[in-house]
Protein backbone atom coordinates (compact mmCIF):
# COMPACT_ATOMS: atom_id res chain seq x y z
CA MET A 1 0.00 0.00 0.00
CA ARG A 2 1.38 3.40 -0.95
CA LYS A 3 1.32 5.82 1.94
CA ALA A 4 2.89 9.00 3.24
CA VAL A 5 3.41 10.06 6.84
CA ALA A 6 4.15 13.59 8.03
CA SER A 7 4.37 15.39 11.33
CA ALA A 8 3.92 19.03 12.38
CA PRO A 9 4.27 20.78 15.73
CA GLY A 10 2.10 23.00 17.84
CA ARG A 11 3.45 26.38 18.76
CA VAL A 12 3.70 28.81 21.64
CA ASN A 13 3.71 32.52 20.94
CA ILE A 14 6.05 34.24 23.37
CA ILE A 15 4.59 37.65 22.59
CA GLY A 16 2.58 39.33 19.83
CA GLU A 17 -1.02 38.32 20.44
CA HIS A 18 -3.76 39.39 18.02
CA VAL A 19 -1.32 41.25 15.78
CA ASP A 20 -0.58 38.55 13.19
CA TYR A 21 -3.71 39.59 11.28
CA ASN A 22 -2.79 43.27 11.71
CA ASP A 23 0.53 43.40 9.84
CA GLY A 24 2.45 43.11 13.11
CA PHE A 25 5.43 41.13 14.32
CA VAL A 26 5.07 37.95 16.37
CA LEU A 27 7.59 35.85 18.27
CA PRO A 28 6.50 32.19 18.45
CA PHE A 29 8.42 28.93 18.61
CA ALA A 30 7.45 25.40 17.57
CA ILE A 31 7.03 22.97 20.46
CA ASN A 32 7.73 19.29 21.02
CA ARG A 33 4.07 18.30 20.96
CA ARG A 34 3.10 17.20 17.49
CA THR A 35 0.39 15.87 15.22
CA THR A 36 1.19 13.00 12.86
CA VAL A 37 -0.87 12.25 9.77
CA GLU A 38 -0.73 9.10 7.65
CA LEU A 39 -2.34 9.20 4.20
CA SER A 40 -2.98 6.23 1.92
CA PHE A 41 -5.19 5.53 -1.08
CA CYS A 42 -8.60 4.01 -0.29
CA SER A 43 -11.91 3.08 -1.91
CA LYS A 44 -13.59 6.03 -0.12
CA PHE A 45 -12.60 8.84 2.23
CA ILE A 46 -12.00 7.53 5.74
CA PHE A 47 -10.88 9.87 8.51
CA GLN A 48 -9.73 8.44 11.81
CA SER A 49 -8.40 10.18 14.92
CA GLU A 50 -7.47 8.59 18.22
CA HIS A 51 -9.09 11.55 19.96
CA PHE A 52 -12.11 12.37 17.78
CA GLY A 53 -13.14 9.05 16.28
CA LYS A 54 -13.85 7.85 12.75
CA MET A 55 -15.82 9.35 9.87
CA GLU A 56 -16.39 8.17 6.30
CA MET A 57 -17.65 9.97 3.18
CA GLU A 58 -17.83 9.47 -0.56
CA ILE A 59 -16.98 13.06 -1.58
CA LEU A 60 -15.23 15.90 0.16
CA GLU A 61 -17.65 18.42 1.64
CA LYS A 62 -18.03 20.55 4.75
CA THR A 63 -19.21 18.66 7.82
CA GLY A 64 -18.90 21.07 10.73
CA LYS A 65 -16.67 18.46 12.39
CA TRP A 66 -12.94 18.19 13.07
CA ILE A 67 -12.31 16.70 9.64
CA ASP A 68 -13.06 20.08 8.03
CA TYR A 69 -9.47 21.07 8.81
CA VAL A 70 -8.30 18.06 6.78
CA ILE A 71 -10.84 18.43 3.98
CA GLY A 72 -10.10 22.13 3.63
CA VAL A 73 -6.41 21.43 3.01
CA LEU A 74 -7.13 18.69 0.46
CA LEU A 75 -9.56 20.90 -1.45
CA GLU A 76 -7.10 23.82 -1.42
CA ILE A 77 -4.41 21.55 -2.90
CA GLU A 78 -6.88 20.30 -5.50
CA LYS A 79 -7.75 23.86 -6.49
CA ARG A 80 -4.22 25.25 -6.44
CA LYS A 81 -2.48 22.37 -8.20
CA ASN A 82 -5.38 21.19 -10.39
CA ILE A 83 -5.09 17.72 -8.87
CA ASN A 84 -8.08 15.43 -8.66
CA ILE A 85 -7.95 14.25 -5.04
CA PRO A 86 -8.64 10.48 -4.98
CA PRO A 87 -10.31 8.76 -2.01
CA LEU A 88 -7.89 8.65 0.91
CA CYS A 89 -7.55 7.04 4.31
CA VAL A 90 -6.46 9.71 6.79
CA ASN A 91 -5.14 8.53 10.15
CA VAL A 92 -4.37 11.22 12.75
CA LYS A 93 -2.38 10.80 15.96
CA SER A 94 -1.39 13.61 18.30
CA ASN A 95 0.02 14.43 21.72
CA LEU A 96 -0.85 18.09 21.20
CA GLU A 97 -3.58 19.46 23.44
CA SER A 98 -6.45 21.30 21.74
CA GLY A 99 -8.13 24.39 23.11
CA VAL A 100 -5.06 25.53 25.03
CA GLY A 101 -3.72 28.11 22.56
CA LEU A 102 -1.04 25.78 21.18
CA SER A 103 -2.49 25.81 17.65
CA SER A 104 -3.51 22.20 17.25
CA SER A 105 -5.53 23.10 14.14
CA ALA A 106 -2.49 24.48 12.31
CA ALA A 107 -0.46 21.41 13.25
CA LEU A 108 -3.15 19.20 11.74
CA GLU A 109 -3.48 21.31 8.59
CA THR A 110 0.23 21.48 7.88
CA ALA A 111 0.81 17.79 8.65
CA VAL A 112 -1.95 16.94 6.16
CA ALA A 113 -0.36 19.26 3.59
CA PHE A 114 3.11 17.74 4.01
CA ALA A 115 1.73 14.19 3.72
CA ALA A 116 -0.52 15.01 0.75
CA ASN A 117 2.32 16.79 -0.98
CA GLU A 118 4.36 13.60 -0.82
CA LEU A 119 1.62 11.09 -1.64
CA LEU A 120 0.13 13.11 -4.50
CA GLU A 121 3.48 14.43 -5.78
CA ALA A 122 2.14 17.98 -5.66
CA ASN A 123 5.58 19.66 -5.52
CA LEU A 124 4.48 22.20 -2.92
CA SER A 125 7.01 24.60 -1.45
CA LYS A 126 7.01 25.30 2.28
CA LYS A 127 5.52 28.72 1.58
CA GLU A 128 2.71 27.10 -0.42
CA ILE A 129 2.02 24.71 2.46
CA VAL A 130 1.61 27.73 4.74
CA GLU A 131 -0.70 29.48 2.25
CA ILE A 132 -2.81 26.36 1.69
CA SER A 133 -3.18 25.71 5.41
CA VAL A 134 -4.15 29.32 6.15
CA SER A 135 -6.69 29.31 3.32
CA ALA A 136 -8.17 26.05 4.59
CA GLU A 137 -8.73 27.50 8.05
CA ARG A 138 -10.18 30.75 6.73
CA ASN A 139 -12.34 29.39 3.93
CA PHE A 140 -13.37 25.99 5.23
CA ALA A 141 -13.10 26.04 9.01
CA MET A 142 -14.30 29.67 8.93
CA VAL A 143 -11.71 31.01 11.37
CA ASN A 144 -10.40 34.33 10.06
CA CYS A 145 -6.87 33.64 11.32
CA GLY A 146 -3.55 35.29 10.57
CA ILE A 147 -0.50 33.42 9.28
CA MET A 148 1.44 32.90 12.52
CA ASP A 149 0.26 29.42 13.51
CA GLN A 150 0.74 27.73 10.15
CA TYR A 151 3.95 29.64 9.45
CA THR A 152 5.48 28.47 12.73
CA ALA A 153 4.32 24.89 12.19
CA VAL A 154 6.21 24.86 8.89
CA PHE A 155 9.31 26.98 9.57
CA GLY A 156 9.93 26.27 13.28
CA LYS A 157 13.48 25.41 14.34
CA LYS A 158 14.59 23.71 17.56
CA GLY A 159 16.36 26.13 19.90
CA PHE A 160 14.98 29.20 18.16
CA ALA A 161 11.98 31.49 18.14
CA LEU A 162 10.80 33.03 14.89
CA LEU A 163 10.48 36.80 14.64
CA ILE A 164 7.82 36.82 11.93
CA ASP A 165 7.00 39.94 9.94
CA THR A 166 3.39 39.11 9.10
CA LYS A 167 3.07 41.98 6.62
CA HIS A 168 5.89 40.81 4.39
CA GLU A 169 5.70 37.12 5.44
CA THR A 170 9.39 36.83 6.26
CA HIS A 171 11.15 35.68 9.41
CA GLU A 172 14.34 35.86 11.42
CA TYR A 173 15.48 33.09 13.76
CA ILE A 174 16.08 34.37 17.30
CA PRO A 175 18.04 32.04 19.65
CA LEU A 176 16.09 31.07 22.75
CA ASN A 177 18.79 32.37 25.09
CA LEU A 178 16.88 31.80 28.34
CA ASN A 179 19.83 31.13 30.65
CA GLU A 180 18.43 29.14 33.60
CA TYR A 181 14.82 29.90 32.69
CA LYS A 182 12.27 27.85 30.73
CA PHE A 183 8.85 28.30 29.21
CA TYR A 184 5.88 26.30 30.50
CA ILE A 185 2.16 26.20 29.81
CA ILE A 186 -0.64 26.19 32.36
CA ASP A 187 -3.96 25.12 30.87
CA SER A 188 -6.86 26.93 32.53
CA ASN A 189 -9.07 23.99 31.51
CA VAL A 190 -11.77 26.38 30.38
CA LYS A 191 -12.83 27.48 26.93
CA HIS A 192 -15.76 29.87 26.84
CA LYS A 193 -18.24 29.37 24.02
CA LEU A 194 -17.94 32.94 22.77
CA ALA A 195 -14.28 32.44 21.79
CA LEU A 196 -14.61 31.91 18.03
CA GLY A 197 -17.27 34.56 17.45
CA GLU A 198 -15.39 37.09 19.58
CA TYR A 199 -12.12 36.31 17.78
CA ASN A 200 -13.67 37.15 14.43
CA LYS A 201 -15.32 40.21 16.01
CA ARG A 202 -11.94 41.49 17.23
CA ARG A 203 -10.59 41.18 13.74
CA GLU A 204 -13.51 43.18 12.39
CA GLN A 205 -12.99 45.85 15.06
CA ALA A 206 -9.28 46.08 14.27
CA GLY A 207 -10.10 46.62 10.61
CA ALA A 208 -12.77 49.19 11.40
CA ALA A 209 -10.35 51.15 13.58
CA LEU A 210 -7.71 51.13 10.86
CA LYS A 211 -10.21 52.40 8.30
CA ALA A 212 -11.46 55.12 10.65
CA MET A 213 -7.88 56.34 11.12
CA GLY A 214 -7.42 56.50 7.34
CA LYS A 215 -4.50 54.07 7.35
CA ARG A 216 -3.73 51.07 5.20
CA SER A 217 -1.64 49.17 7.74
CA TYR A 218 -1.05 49.18 11.48
CA ARG A 219 2.63 49.57 10.65
CA GLU A 220 1.77 53.16 9.74
CA VAL A 221 -0.23 53.90 12.90
CA THR A 222 1.10 55.95 15.83
CA GLU A 223 -0.50 56.82 19.16
CA LYS A 224 -1.26 60.25 17.72
CA ASP A 225 -3.53 58.59 15.15
CA LEU A 226 -5.71 57.21 17.95
CA GLU A 227 -7.08 60.73 18.47
CA LYS A 228 -9.01 60.26 15.21
CA LEU A 229 -11.09 57.52 16.83
CA ASN A 230 -14.31 58.60 18.51
CA ASP A 231 -15.36 55.05 19.34
CA GLU A 232 -13.73 54.10 22.65
CA VAL A 233 -13.89 50.37 21.90
CA LEU A 234 -12.08 50.80 18.59
CA LYS A 235 -9.54 53.06 20.31
CA LYS A 236 -8.78 50.35 22.87
CA ARG A 237 -8.37 47.70 20.18
CA ALA A 238 -6.01 49.87 18.13
CA PHE A 239 -4.01 50.87 21.23
CA HIS A 240 -3.32 47.23 22.06
CA ILE A 241 -2.21 46.50 18.50
CA ILE A 242 0.29 49.32 18.13
CA LYS A 243 1.77 48.81 21.60
CA GLU A 244 1.97 45.04 21.11
CA ILE A 245 3.87 45.46 17.85
CA GLU A 246 6.38 47.58 19.75
CA ARG A 247 6.63 45.01 22.54
CA VAL A 248 7.45 42.20 20.11
CA LYS A 249 10.39 44.07 18.64
CA ARG A 250 11.68 44.87 22.12
CA ALA A 251 11.22 41.24 23.20
CA ALA A 252 13.33 39.97 20.28
CA GLU A 253 16.18 42.26 21.31
CA MET A 254 15.86 41.10 24.91
CA LEU A 255 16.13 37.47 23.83
CA LYS A 256 19.23 38.25 21.81
CA LYS A 257 20.81 39.79 24.92
CA SER A 258 19.39 37.15 27.31
CA ASP A 259 17.67 39.94 29.24
CA ILE A 260 15.11 37.57 30.75
CA SER A 261 13.89 39.88 33.52
CA SER A 262 12.84 42.53 31.00
CA LEU A 263 11.25 39.87 28.78
CA GLY A 264 9.18 38.66 31.72
CA ARG A 265 7.92 42.18 32.42
CA LEU A 266 6.82 42.47 28.81
CA LEU A 267 4.78 39.27 29.14
CA TYR A 268 2.87 40.75 32.06
CA GLU A 269 2.37 44.00 30.11
CA THR A 270 0.91 42.05 27.22
CA HIS A 271 -1.49 40.18 29.47
CA GLU A 272 -2.72 43.43 31.01
CA SER A 273 -3.27 44.87 27.53
CA LEU A 274 -5.10 41.75 26.32
CA SER A 275 -7.33 41.89 29.38
CA LYS A 276 -7.93 45.64 29.56
CA TYR A 277 -7.74 46.88 25.97
CA TYR A 278 -8.36 43.93 23.66
CA GLU A 279 -10.69 42.30 26.18
CA VAL A 280 -9.99 38.69 25.27
CA SER A 281 -8.98 37.38 28.68
CA CYS A 282 -11.35 35.95 31.28
CA LYS A 283 -11.55 35.62 35.06
CA GLU A 284 -9.85 32.21 35.07
CA THR A 285 -6.77 33.23 33.08
CA ASP A 286 -6.57 36.55 34.91
CA PHE A 287 -6.59 34.65 38.22
CA ILE A 288 -3.70 32.42 37.16
CA VAL A 289 -1.57 35.28 35.82
CA ASP A 290 -2.22 37.42 38.92
CA PHE A 291 -1.31 34.51 41.20
CA LEU A 292 1.95 33.84 39.35
CA LYS A 293 2.92 37.51 39.39
CA SER A 294 2.21 37.89 43.11
CA ASN A 295 4.32 34.79 43.82
CA GLY A 296 7.42 36.05 42.06
CA VAL A 297 7.21 34.24 38.71
CA ILE A 298 9.23 36.31 36.26
CA GLY A 299 6.67 36.39 33.43
CA ALA A 300 3.29 35.04 32.33
CA ARG A 301 0.39 35.87 30.03
CA MET A 302 -2.57 34.28 28.31
CA VAL A 303 -1.86 32.75 24.90
CA GLY A 304 -4.07 32.11 21.90
CA GLY A 305 -7.37 33.63 20.88
CA GLY A 306 -8.55 34.12 24.44
CA PHE A 307 -11.60 33.54 26.67
CA GLY A 308 -9.85 30.61 28.33
CA GLY A 309 -7.13 28.32 27.09
CA GLY A 310 -3.54 28.45 28.21
CA ILE A 311 -1.04 30.71 29.93
CA ILE A 312 2.60 30.83 28.89
CA VAL A 313 4.87 30.97 31.93
CA LEU A 314 8.53 32.05 32.04
CA SER A 315 10.13 30.64 35.16
CA LYS A 316 13.15 28.94 36.64
CA PRO A 317 12.72 25.16 36.83
CA GLY A 318 11.68 24.31 40.36
CA LYS A 319 10.10 27.70 41.04
CA ILE A 320 6.94 27.04 39.05
CA GLU A 321 6.59 23.48 40.35
CA GLU A 322 7.02 24.82 43.88
CA ILE A 323 4.01 27.16 43.66
CA TYR A 324 1.83 25.20 41.23
CA SER A 325 0.32 23.01 43.95
CA GLU A 326 -0.91 26.08 45.86
CA LEU A 327 -2.18 27.64 42.64
CA SER A 328 -4.13 24.48 41.81
CA LYS A 329 -5.73 24.40 45.27
CA LYS A 330 -6.81 28.05 45.19
CA TYR A 331 -7.99 27.79 41.58
CA HIS A 332 -10.10 24.74 42.43
CA LYS A 333 -11.57 26.48 45.45
CA LYS A 334 -12.61 29.48 43.33
CA PHE A 335 -13.70 27.81 40.09
CA GLY A 336 -14.44 24.19 41.00
CA PHE A 337 -11.83 22.48 38.82
CA HIS A 338 -8.05 22.31 38.50
CA PRO A 339 -5.71 23.83 35.94
CA ARG A 340 -3.18 21.61 34.18
CA PHE A 341 0.60 21.99 34.08
CA ILE A 342 2.29 21.26 30.72
CA GLU A 343 6.04 21.04 30.16
CA ILE A 344 7.24 22.10 26.71
CA ASP A 345 10.45 22.50 24.75
CA SER A 346 11.23 23.93 21.34
CA ASP A 347 11.19 21.72 18.26
CA ASP A 348 11.56 21.72 14.49
CA GLY A 349 8.76 22.48 12.07
CA GLY A 350 6.72 20.17 9.88
CA ARG A 351 8.35 17.39 7.92
CA SER A 352 7.77 14.18 6.02
CA ILE A 353 8.55 11.11 8.10
CA THR A 354 8.38 8.37 5.49
CA SER A 355 8.49 8.32 1.74
CA LYS A 356 5.85 6.78 -0.47
CA ARG A 357 6.66 3.17 -0.96
CA LYS A 358 5.24 0.09 -2.59
CA PRO A 359 4.81 -3.17 -0.66
């Protein structure tokens, strides 16, 4: 049986939240939690996931289920490369948590694209794999995302963060010079139902603010331009964006100099801005970040689209484990359930694992 297997990582964004769709800079890194996809030719389309179960269909069409992320990629390849997609068996395995802000959807999309590229001999470049995966999420899964997640899943490099210029779609590798510190994730174990709708709403508000200021890109916007905004909500959204773009550039320089204390302060600044100005945090993530800050953790903030999900934590090993037990107890007392502690490390981007082969 001819088959192709590919793997792609999740990602953590150190800083630069909600600016990847606003021509900003972001500073993510690929992590060592991955999604693996095996594709083979079949008599009909069969999709199987160890987490989400099995589905079968005769033709590719929207389902409203998890397989839309897979179908969207296949249809984008079909359209872009003029390839008639034959029936396929799609087997998905993953140790990447969903709903935590680690971009499990982009890992799935890019893994499918790498595997399909090999099996179907589509001759896709890495840049095309990013474009196809982004288009699939926007046009099929109906999430109006930026490019950061898919870009990181493809171009990630172990030991490095990517300073991505989302306007020009270029990147610079920044060494993760963390000295004795490490990044961790704390999963709030909550995902509020308004997340997707509010994410798309924030994007609309960001665009409306830009238009009201008479600018074509947030790269042209200064704080002075905010005076043109009469709508206080739009002013808050635009303020977060322009200040966050500045913070990302400062954070990259801090990483280069291993100035971890200053980097940690920026993480807390970003969380405050996401909570106060972009209004995408929630009481659970605010509680965790406030607890960590009051207990001397050097840096933390919510990650991902918001309204729950995960918190990225910058801490010395031992320090975070020391206070996590108390955090979990107080969190459970207040909200009725426990958060989850996740250890992560950097990793390489998406890749083919096996070549097509005949029995």
